[in-house]
Amino acid sequence: MAKVEIYTSPICGFCSRAKSLLTKKGVEFEEIDVFMDGSRKAEMIQRSNGGRTVPQIFIDDRHIGGCDDLFEREFDGELDALLTGAP
């Protein structure tokens, strides 16, 4: 299974939706709360090439984007391959 990291905030509905999809798919992920740790927000912005909104999602260190991007990959049938590391 791929390494999944998601930068979040506790008051973010889009974060909840993204986490819910990943949980429904049985995916373990590391949640990084940028609300409580401002230094992690700077890290998120750098890793996502300027992305300032949450969530910012990474699969195997590849920037996926936000909640809409995650769901788009799901609807296009691409998410499972990313999560299993398939080419």
Protein backbone atom coordinates (compact mmCIF):
# COMPACT_ATOMS: atom_id res chain seq x y z
CA MET A 1 0.00 0.00 0.00
CA ALA A 2 1.19 3.49 -0.79
CA LYS A 3 2.26 6.05 1.79
CA VAL A 4 -0.51 8.65 2.06
CA GLU A 5 -0.10 12.00 3.79
CA ILE A 6 -2.85 14.57 4.14
CA TYR A 7 -2.38 18.09 5.47
CA THR A 8 -5.57 19.13 7.25
CA SER A 9 -7.31 21.52 9.60
CA PRO A 10 -9.93 20.43 12.16
CA ILE A 11 -12.51 22.91 10.85
CA CYS A 12 -12.28 21.90 7.19
CA GLY A 13 -15.20 20.10 5.56
CA PHE A 14 -13.14 19.23 2.50
CA CYS A 15 -10.57 17.58 4.76
CA SER A 16 -13.31 15.48 6.34
CA ARG A 17 -14.56 14.40 2.89
CA ALA A 18 -11.09 13.41 1.73
CA LYS A 19 -10.35 11.49 4.93
CA SER A 20 -13.73 9.78 4.70
CA LEU A 21 -13.01 8.55 1.16
CA LEU A 22 -9.60 7.24 2.16
CA THR A 23 -11.02 5.55 5.26
CA LYS A 24 -13.84 3.98 3.21
CA LYS A 25 -11.22 2.53 0.89
CA GLY A 26 -9.32 1.09 3.88
CA VAL A 27 -6.33 3.36 3.38
CA GLU A 28 -4.11 4.26 6.31
CA PHE A 29 -2.84 7.82 6.13
CA GLU A 30 -0.76 10.25 8.13
CA GLU A 31 -2.78 13.32 9.04
CA ILE A 32 -0.78 16.51 9.51
CA ASP A 33 -2.73 19.24 11.31
CA VAL A 34 -1.48 22.59 10.01
CA PHE A 35 -3.87 24.47 12.30
CA MET A 36 -2.05 23.33 15.44
CA ASP A 37 1.47 23.41 13.99
CA GLY A 38 2.24 26.44 11.82
CA SER A 39 5.66 25.11 10.80
CA ARG A 40 3.94 22.19 9.11
CA LYS A 41 1.86 24.67 7.06
CA ALA A 42 5.05 26.15 5.63
CA GLU A 43 6.18 22.60 4.83
CA MET A 44 2.84 21.92 3.10
CA ILE A 45 3.10 25.08 0.99
CA GLN A 46 6.61 24.20 -0.10
CA ARG A 47 5.80 20.55 -0.91
CA SER A 48 2.66 21.48 -2.85
CA ASN A 49 4.38 24.21 -4.88
CA GLY A 50 2.40 27.01 -3.29
CA GLY A 51 -0.82 25.25 -2.25
CA ARG A 52 -2.15 27.19 0.73
CA THR A 53 -5.54 25.54 1.23
CA VAL A 54 -6.27 22.28 2.98
CA PRO A 55 -6.37 19.48 2.36
CA GLN A 56 -3.19 18.92 0.42
CA ILE A 57 -2.77 15.23 -0.31
CA PHE A 58 0.36 13.26 -1.17
CA ILE A 59 0.57 9.64 -2.27
CA ASP A 60 4.09 8.20 -2.19
CA ASP A 61 5.44 11.77 -2.03
CA ARG A 62 3.54 12.68 -5.22
CA HIS A 63 1.34 15.74 -4.83
CA ILE A 64 -2.25 14.79 -5.69
CA GLY A 65 -3.83 18.13 -4.82
CA GLY A 66 -6.91 18.77 -2.72
CA CYS A 67 -10.21 17.06 -2.03
CA ASP A 68 -11.67 17.69 -5.49
CA ASP A 69 -8.52 16.30 -7.10
CA LEU A 70 -8.71 13.16 -4.96
CA PHE A 71 -12.36 12.57 -5.87
CA GLU A 72 -11.63 13.25 -9.54
CA ARG A 73 -9.02 10.51 -9.51
CA GLU A 74 -11.52 8.22 -7.81
CA PHE A 75 -14.22 8.93 -10.42
CA ASP A 76 -11.71 8.48 -13.26
CA GLY A 77 -10.66 5.08 -11.84
CA GLU A 78 -7.08 6.22 -11.18
CA LEU A 79 -7.05 6.35 -7.38
CA ASP A 80 -6.81 2.61 -6.67
CA ALA A 81 -3.76 2.27 -8.91
CA LEU A 82 -2.08 5.17 -7.11
CA LEU A 83 -2.87 3.64 -3.73
CA THR A 84 -1.50 0.23 -4.65
CA GLY A 85 1.58 1.62 -6.37
CA ALA A 86 0.57 0.17 -9.75
CA PRO A 87 2.04 1.97 -12.77
